Amino acid sequence: MGGKESIKGLWQEWQGLFWVTSWFWINVTLSICNKSVFQFTKFNYPLTLSICHLSFVSVASFVFIFLGWVRIPEKGEDIPTKQLWPLSLLFWCNIAVGNLSLQLTSLALSQVVRSIIPGITMVLSYFILDKRYSVPLSVSVVIVIVGVMVTTYADVEVTVFGLAALLAGSGLAAAKVVVTNKFLTGGNKLDPIYLLSRLAPVSVLQMTVYGLLTGEFCKVRKDWATVGGTNTALLIGFTSFMSFFINYTNFMTNKTTSPLTLTVAGNLKQITTIGLAIVIFNTALTAANSSGILITVCGTAMYSYLSYLDKKKKQKEQAEEKTAVQPKDQPTAVIINMTPEKQSNPLAGTSSPSVAVAIPK
């Protein structure tokens, strides 16, 4: 039992790091794969690609539930229908507006604007989740934001509509992380896969209606002969497969750490993607790129260290509170006979009076 308990305690201690690391590298991989879909297959239909991704997420989630691997919430714990539709709308609008902003702006501008997502997350967490952040932790977040901006500012090309789309996308991304955290860790405490099984199908339905209204499906059917084929189908299938794991690890990271940790990791992912692009595509590394990457890495390291100290402090406070509320030892009742020893007189048949005295342990 001791070995099992120690393993369980170790997992509780480090599971947040495991999930954020898993989400981080799956995110980097999927970003490169999605870029390959758009660049090498000429399949420039982000909404259709997103529908393929969330369709696979829906099917995979239901398979996990059918196999009994997912905790089904009790009555009263599930998402109310009146909240499910707005949450699903937020879920897919975050994807759609993000894709739209990538089409309207350069990747550099996208990274600069989206770097402020941790800041927006802190503000929303304050009002929605009632979370407070220390000054040093807030400073580390600002350092990360500045690092991403320095890395990419030289390549920025700004348009008013593109900038508006990016700001809207950043707000939606932060809101999605904060709101889903409420369902994952609040009174509901939903299983991440169960939450996906509720959000993904409704999101697919809403995106399908949007796709029909915009005419994207007609364009896909018309251009499939030129942009489709085996390679395109395989890439879309692989990215759909990966999308399930990125959503699952995203929710698990959100559940076991915090919305702010998730968005800070997202900024580090952007810097990692830049670094991989420099290596893979032989992109020139400028002084600004180098300085920005260094600032971001230092800010992320500072944030990780402060988060670790904050977690240790909370664990200590919880342990002290648990010790304080434990009931003190109850006094032991001892029966003392107050009568003299029983006489040999047979007529003495009355009961002997006794007194109970409480003696503390």
Protein backbone atom coordinates (compact mmCIF):
# COMPACT_ATOMS: atom_id res chain seq x y z
CA MET A 1 0.00 0.00 0.00
CA GLY A 2 2.86 2.37 0.82
CA GLY A 3 4.28 2.05 -2.68
CA LYS A 4 0.89 2.69 -4.30
CA GLU A 5 0.26 5.69 -2.08
CA SER A 6 3.68 7.17 -2.88
CA ILE A 7 3.11 6.69 -6.64
CA LYS A 8 -0.33 8.29 -6.34
CA GLY A 9 1.14 11.22 -4.41
CA LEU A 10 3.90 11.64 -6.98
CA TRP A 11 1.33 11.66 -9.80
CA GLN A 12 -0.77 14.25 -7.98
CA GLU A 13 2.36 16.38 -7.63
CA TRP A 14 3.53 16.21 -11.25
CA GLN A 15 0.42 15.53 -13.35
CA GLY A 16 0.07 19.21 -14.22
CA LEU A 17 3.56 19.23 -15.73
CA PHE A 18 2.79 16.02 -17.63
CA TRP A 19 -0.38 17.39 -19.19
CA VAL A 20 1.01 20.81 -20.08
CA THR A 21 4.07 19.17 -21.69
CA SER A 22 1.89 16.74 -23.64
CA TRP A 23 -0.42 19.53 -24.81
CA PHE A 24 2.57 21.70 -25.72
CA TRP A 25 4.24 19.22 -28.09
CA ILE A 26 0.98 17.96 -29.58
CA ASN A 27 0.06 21.60 -30.24
CA VAL A 28 3.40 22.28 -31.96
CA THR A 29 3.01 19.11 -34.08
CA LEU A 30 -0.56 19.92 -35.07
CA SER A 31 0.36 23.52 -35.97
CA ILE A 32 3.03 22.28 -38.38
CA CYS A 33 0.65 19.65 -39.83
CA ASN A 34 -2.15 22.18 -40.33
CA LYS A 35 0.30 24.52 -42.03
CA SER A 36 1.29 21.61 -44.29
CA VAL A 37 -2.37 21.07 -45.23
CA PHE A 38 -2.76 24.70 -46.28
CA GLN A 39 0.67 25.08 -47.89
CA PHE A 40 1.39 21.79 -49.62
CA THR A 41 -2.10 20.58 -50.59
CA LYS A 42 -3.63 24.01 -51.32
CA PHE A 43 -6.66 22.99 -49.24
CA ASN A 44 -7.46 26.53 -48.08
CA TYR A 45 -10.74 25.77 -46.36
CA PRO A 46 -10.16 26.25 -42.62
CA LEU A 47 -13.82 25.90 -41.63
CA THR A 48 -14.15 22.56 -43.39
CA LEU A 49 -10.91 21.38 -41.82
CA SER A 50 -12.19 22.42 -38.39
CA ILE A 51 -15.44 20.52 -38.97
CA CYS A 52 -13.43 17.39 -39.84
CA HIS A 53 -11.42 17.83 -36.64
CA LEU A 54 -14.41 18.28 -34.34
CA SER A 55 -16.34 15.47 -36.06
CA PHE A 56 -13.53 13.06 -35.17
CA VAL A 57 -13.45 14.49 -31.63
CA SER A 58 -17.19 13.82 -31.31
CA VAL A 59 -16.90 10.20 -32.49
CA ALA A 60 -13.83 9.46 -30.34
CA SER A 61 -15.48 10.95 -27.24
CA PHE A 62 -18.58 8.80 -27.66
CA VAL A 63 -16.39 5.69 -28.14
CA PHE A 64 -14.64 6.39 -24.82
CA ILE A 65 -18.01 6.87 -23.11
CA PHE A 66 -19.40 3.65 -24.67
CA LEU A 67 -16.39 1.70 -23.37
CA GLY A 68 -17.08 3.00 -19.86
CA TRP A 69 -13.79 4.91 -19.55
CA VAL A 70 -15.45 8.24 -18.75
CA ARG A 71 -17.22 9.33 -15.58
CA ILE A 72 -20.78 10.35 -16.36
CA PRO A 73 -21.90 13.27 -14.17
CA GLU A 74 -24.65 12.85 -11.62
CA LYS A 75 -27.98 14.57 -11.99
CA GLY A 76 -27.48 18.28 -11.48
CA GLU A 77 -23.76 18.20 -12.38
CA ASP A 78 -24.21 18.28 -16.16
CA ILE A 79 -24.12 21.41 -18.32
CA PRO A 80 -27.59 22.97 -18.54
CA THR A 81 -28.89 23.19 -22.11
CA LYS A 82 -29.21 26.96 -21.85
CA GLN A 83 -25.45 27.11 -21.17
CA LEU A 84 -24.43 24.37 -23.62
CA TRP A 85 -25.34 26.28 -26.80
CA PRO A 86 -23.54 29.54 -25.89
CA LEU A 87 -20.49 27.56 -24.71
CA SER A 88 -20.44 25.57 -27.97
CA LEU A 89 -20.75 28.83 -29.91
CA LEU A 90 -17.75 30.20 -27.99
CA PHE A 91 -15.89 26.93 -28.61
CA TRP A 92 -16.12 27.01 -32.41
CA CYS A 93 -16.07 30.81 -32.83
CA ASN A 94 -12.65 30.73 -31.19
CA ILE A 95 -11.53 28.35 -33.96
CA ALA A 96 -13.29 30.17 -36.81
CA VAL A 97 -12.14 33.68 -35.88
CA GLY A 98 -8.61 32.38 -35.28
CA ASN A 99 -8.53 30.89 -38.77
CA LEU A 100 -10.02 34.07 -40.25
CA SER A 101 -7.36 36.22 -38.60
CA LEU A 102 -4.61 33.98 -40.00
CA GLN A 103 -6.01 34.50 -43.50
CA LEU A 104 -6.27 38.29 -43.09
CA THR A 105 -2.94 38.96 -41.36
CA SER A 106 0.64 37.80 -41.32
CA LEU A 107 1.78 35.08 -38.93
CA ALA A 108 4.02 37.63 -37.19
CA LEU A 109 1.15 40.00 -36.41
CA SER A 110 -0.93 37.05 -35.23
CA GLN A 111 1.78 36.04 -32.77
CA VAL A 112 2.24 39.60 -31.49
CA VAL A 113 -1.48 40.15 -30.82
CA ARG A 114 -2.18 36.65 -29.47
CA SER A 115 0.71 37.06 -27.05
CA ILE A 116 -1.60 39.24 -24.93
CA ILE A 117 -3.96 36.30 -24.30
CA PRO A 118 -2.39 35.55 -20.86
CA GLY A 119 -3.08 39.14 -19.85
CA ILE A 120 -6.73 38.87 -20.95
CA THR A 121 -6.94 35.52 -19.15
CA MET A 122 -5.76 37.10 -15.90
CA VAL A 123 -8.47 39.78 -16.13
CA LEU A 124 -11.24 37.28 -16.96
CA SER A 125 -10.07 34.88 -14.24
CA TYR A 126 -10.30 37.74 -11.74
CA PHE A 127 -13.96 38.46 -12.59
CA ILE A 128 -15.24 34.97 -13.51
CA LEU A 129 -13.20 32.60 -11.32
CA ASP A 130 -12.39 35.09 -8.53
CA LYS A 131 -8.68 34.29 -8.80
CA ARG A 132 -5.94 36.59 -7.54
CA TYR A 133 -2.37 36.72 -8.83
CA SER A 134 0.71 38.02 -7.03
CA VAL A 135 2.72 40.95 -8.39
CA PRO A 136 5.81 38.80 -9.24
CA LEU A 137 3.63 36.32 -11.16
CA SER A 138 1.97 39.17 -13.06
CA VAL A 139 5.39 40.60 -13.92
CA SER A 140 6.52 37.23 -15.31
CA VAL A 141 3.46 37.16 -17.59
CA VAL A 142 4.28 40.67 -18.85
CA ILE A 143 7.86 39.52 -19.58
CA VAL A 144 6.51 36.60 -21.67
CA ILE A 145 4.20 38.95 -23.62
CA VAL A 146 7.03 41.40 -24.31
CA GLY A 147 9.31 38.55 -25.42
CA VAL A 148 6.86 37.34 -28.07
CA MET A 149 6.30 40.88 -29.32
CA VAL A 150 10.04 41.56 -29.60
CA THR A 151 10.52 38.29 -31.49
CA THR A 152 8.07 39.16 -34.24
CA TYR A 153 7.54 42.94 -34.30
CA ALA A 154 9.88 43.60 -37.25
CA ASP A 155 7.76 41.48 -39.62
CA VAL A 156 4.40 43.00 -38.69
CA GLU A 157 2.03 44.20 -41.43
CA VAL A 158 -1.12 45.78 -40.02
CA THR A 159 -4.60 46.15 -41.51
CA VAL A 160 -7.53 47.51 -39.52
CA PHE A 161 -9.88 44.59 -40.23
CA GLY A 162 -7.15 42.02 -39.65
CA LEU A 163 -6.16 43.63 -36.35
CA ALA A 164 -9.82 43.67 -35.25
CA ALA A 165 -10.16 39.97 -36.08
CA LEU A 166 -6.99 39.19 -34.12
CA LEU A 167 -8.16 41.12 -31.06
CA ALA A 168 -11.54 39.38 -31.21
CA GLY A 169 -9.84 36.00 -31.58
CA SER A 170 -7.56 36.67 -28.61
CA GLY A 171 -10.53 37.62 -26.44
CA LEU A 172 -12.45 34.52 -27.51
CA ALA A 173 -9.44 32.27 -26.83
CA ALA A 174 -9.01 33.65 -23.31
CA ALA A 175 -12.76 33.45 -22.61
CA LYS A 176 -12.91 29.83 -23.82
CA VAL A 177 -10.07 28.78 -21.50
CA VAL A 178 -11.55 30.54 -18.45
CA VAL A 179 -15.15 29.38 -18.99
CA THR A 180 -14.24 25.73 -19.65
CA ASN A 181 -12.09 25.80 -16.50
CA LYS A 182 -15.23 26.67 -14.55
CA PHE A 183 -16.95 23.49 -15.77
CA LEU A 184 -13.84 21.33 -15.29
CA THR A 185 -12.94 22.45 -11.77
CA GLY A 186 -15.99 24.25 -10.38
CA GLY A 187 -19.18 22.71 -9.04
CA ASN A 188 -19.57 20.52 -12.14
CA LYS A 189 -16.06 18.95 -12.18
CA LEU A 190 -16.82 17.33 -15.53
CA ASP A 191 -14.54 14.75 -17.12
CA PRO A 192 -12.67 16.41 -20.04
CA ILE A 193 -13.80 13.75 -22.54
CA TYR A 194 -17.40 14.07 -21.39
CA LEU A 195 -17.19 17.85 -21.82
CA LEU A 196 -15.84 17.31 -25.36
CA SER A 197 -18.71 14.90 -26.10
CA ARG A 198 -21.16 17.67 -25.21
CA LEU A 199 -19.41 20.57 -26.95
CA ALA A 200 -18.05 19.02 -30.16
CA PRO A 201 -21.31 17.71 -31.76
CA VAL A 202 -23.17 20.97 -31.13
CA SER A 203 -20.18 22.91 -32.45
CA VAL A 204 -20.13 20.79 -35.63
CA LEU A 205 -23.83 21.48 -36.15
CA GLN A 206 -23.35 25.23 -35.71
CA MET A 207 -20.28 25.28 -37.98
CA THR A 208 -22.12 23.31 -40.66
CA VAL A 209 -24.89 25.90 -40.74
CA TYR A 210 -22.26 28.64 -40.95
CA GLY A 211 -20.45 26.80 -43.76
CA LEU A 212 -23.68 26.46 -45.76
CA LEU A 213 -24.41 30.16 -45.35
CA THR A 214 -20.92 31.22 -46.46
CA GLY A 215 -20.83 28.78 -49.39
CA GLU A 216 -17.52 27.16 -48.37
CA PHE A 217 -18.85 23.61 -48.88
CA CYS A 218 -19.75 24.40 -52.49
CA LYS A 219 -16.20 25.66 -53.07
CA VAL A 220 -14.74 22.49 -51.55
CA ARG A 221 -16.86 20.26 -53.79
CA LYS A 222 -15.97 22.34 -56.83
CA ASP A 223 -12.19 22.42 -56.15
CA TRP A 224 -11.73 18.91 -54.73
CA ALA A 225 -10.48 17.60 -58.06
CA THR A 226 -7.51 19.99 -57.91
CA VAL A 227 -6.84 20.30 -54.18
CA GLY A 228 -7.99 16.84 -53.08
CA GLY A 229 -6.42 13.43 -53.45
CA THR A 230 -4.86 10.75 -51.26
CA ASN A 231 -2.23 13.00 -49.69
CA THR A 232 -4.82 15.62 -48.75
CA ALA A 233 -7.16 13.01 -47.30
CA LEU A 234 -4.33 11.44 -45.26
CA LEU A 235 -3.18 14.78 -43.89
CA ILE A 236 -6.73 15.80 -42.96
CA GLY A 237 -7.26 12.38 -41.33
CA PHE A 238 -4.04 12.65 -39.33
CA THR A 239 -4.75 16.20 -38.15
CA SER A 240 -8.29 15.13 -37.18
CA PHE A 241 -6.80 12.28 -35.14
CA MET A 242 -4.38 14.68 -33.46
CA SER A 243 -7.16 17.20 -32.78
CA PHE A 244 -8.79 14.81 -30.32
CA PHE A 245 -5.60 14.57 -28.28
CA ILE A 246 -4.91 18.29 -28.40
CA ASN A 247 -8.41 19.06 -27.09
CA TYR A 248 -8.16 16.38 -24.41
CA THR A 249 -4.72 17.48 -23.19
CA ASN A 250 -5.87 21.11 -23.40
CA PHE A 251 -8.76 20.40 -21.03
CA MET A 252 -6.59 18.25 -18.72
CA THR A 253 -3.97 21.01 -18.55
CA ASN A 254 -6.70 23.53 -17.80
CA LYS A 255 -8.14 21.24 -15.11
CA THR A 256 -4.88 20.30 -13.34
CA THR A 257 -3.09 23.68 -13.58
CA SER A 258 -4.90 26.93 -14.41
CA PRO A 259 -6.15 28.92 -17.42
CA LEU A 260 -3.18 31.29 -17.04
CA THR A 261 -0.64 28.44 -17.14
CA LEU A 262 -2.27 27.13 -20.31
CA THR A 263 -2.08 30.49 -22.10
CA VAL A 264 1.52 31.12 -20.98
CA ALA A 265 2.41 27.69 -22.39
CA GLY A 266 0.66 28.79 -25.59
CA ASN A 267 3.04 31.75 -25.86
CA LEU A 268 6.02 29.47 -25.34
CA LYS A 269 4.61 27.23 -28.07
CA GLN A 270 4.63 30.18 -30.48
CA ILE A 271 8.31 30.80 -29.77
CA THR A 272 9.09 27.09 -30.20
CA THR A 273 7.28 27.10 -33.54
CA ILE A 274 9.41 30.05 -34.66
CA GLY A 275 12.54 28.18 -33.61
CA LEU A 276 11.48 25.04 -35.50
CA ALA A 277 10.63 27.13 -38.56
CA ILE A 278 14.13 28.61 -38.48
CA VAL A 279 15.63 25.11 -38.42
CA ILE A 280 13.24 23.37 -40.84
CA PHE A 281 12.74 26.15 -43.38
CA ASN A 282 16.22 27.70 -43.02
CA THR A 283 14.82 31.08 -41.99
CA ALA A 284 17.30 33.80 -41.09
CA LEU A 285 17.54 34.55 -37.36
CA THR A 286 17.71 38.29 -36.59
CA ALA A 287 18.95 39.97 -33.44
CA ALA A 288 15.34 40.83 -32.54
CA ASN A 289 14.33 37.15 -32.95
CA SER A 290 17.15 36.02 -30.68
CA SER A 291 16.44 38.66 -28.02
CA GLY A 292 12.71 37.97 -28.04
CA ILE A 293 13.16 34.22 -27.75
CA LEU A 294 15.56 34.68 -24.81
CA ILE A 295 13.16 37.09 -23.04
CA THR A 296 10.23 34.71 -23.55
CA VAL A 297 12.12 31.68 -22.26
CA CYS A 298 13.30 33.62 -19.17
CA GLY A 299 9.78 34.92 -18.51
CA THR A 300 8.31 31.43 -18.87
CA ALA A 301 10.94 29.98 -16.52
CA MET A 302 10.16 32.72 -13.98
CA TYR A 303 6.44 32.03 -14.28
CA SER A 304 6.95 28.26 -13.84
CA TYR A 305 9.10 28.75 -10.73
CA LEU A 306 6.65 31.20 -9.12
CA SER A 307 3.70 28.94 -9.96
CA TYR A 308 5.52 26.03 -8.30
CA LEU A 309 6.14 28.09 -5.14
CA ASP A 310 2.52 29.23 -5.12
CA LYS A 311 1.32 25.63 -5.45
CA LYS A 312 3.55 24.52 -2.56
CA LYS A 313 2.25 27.39 -0.42
CA LYS A 314 -1.38 26.44 -1.09
CA GLN A 315 -0.68 22.77 -0.33
CA LYS A 316 0.89 23.77 3.01
CA GLU A 317 -2.07 26.01 3.88
CA GLN A 318 -4.54 23.23 3.01
CA ALA A 319 -2.61 20.75 5.17
CA GLU A 320 -2.63 23.20 8.10
CA GLU A 321 -6.36 23.82 7.70
CA LYS A 322 -7.01 20.08 7.61
CA THR A 323 -5.00 19.59 10.80
CA ALA A 324 -6.78 22.47 12.54
CA VAL A 325 -10.29 21.09 11.91
CA GLN A 326 -9.52 17.56 13.12
CA PRO A 327 -11.53 16.77 16.34
CA LYS A 328 -9.51 16.70 19.52
CA ASP A 329 -9.36 13.51 21.57
CA GLN A 330 -12.55 13.00 23.54
CA PRO A 331 -12.30 12.52 27.35
CA THR A 332 -12.67 9.01 28.68
CA ALA A 333 -15.50 8.30 31.08
CA VAL A 334 -14.45 6.25 34.14
CA ILE A 335 -17.02 4.77 36.51
CA ILE A 336 -16.07 5.18 40.21
CA ASN A 337 -17.95 3.21 42.84
CA MET A 338 -18.72 5.53 45.78
CA THR A 339 -19.87 2.84 48.25
CA PRO A 340 -17.72 0.87 50.63
CA GLU A 341 -17.01 -2.77 49.98
CA LYS A 342 -20.04 -5.02 49.94
CA GLN A 343 -20.89 -6.44 53.39
CA SER A 344 -21.70 -10.07 54.12
CA ASN A 345 -25.19 -9.09 55.33
CA PRO A 346 -27.66 -10.84 52.98
CA LEU A 347 -30.24 -8.10 53.58
CA ALA A 348 -27.99 -5.51 51.89
CA GLY A 349 -29.50 -5.86 48.44
CA THR A 350 -29.66 -2.24 47.34
CA SER A 351 -27.66 -1.10 44.30
CA SER A 352 -24.42 0.79 44.85
CA PRO A 353 -24.38 4.45 43.71
CA SER A 354 -21.73 5.31 41.12
CA VAL A 355 -20.35 8.51 39.65
CA ALA A 356 -18.98 8.96 36.08
CA VAL A 357 -15.85 11.13 35.99
CA ALA A 358 -14.41 12.42 32.70
CA ILE A 359 -10.62 12.03 32.55
CA PRO A 360 -8.86 13.72 29.59
CA LYS A 361 -6.49 11.53 27.54
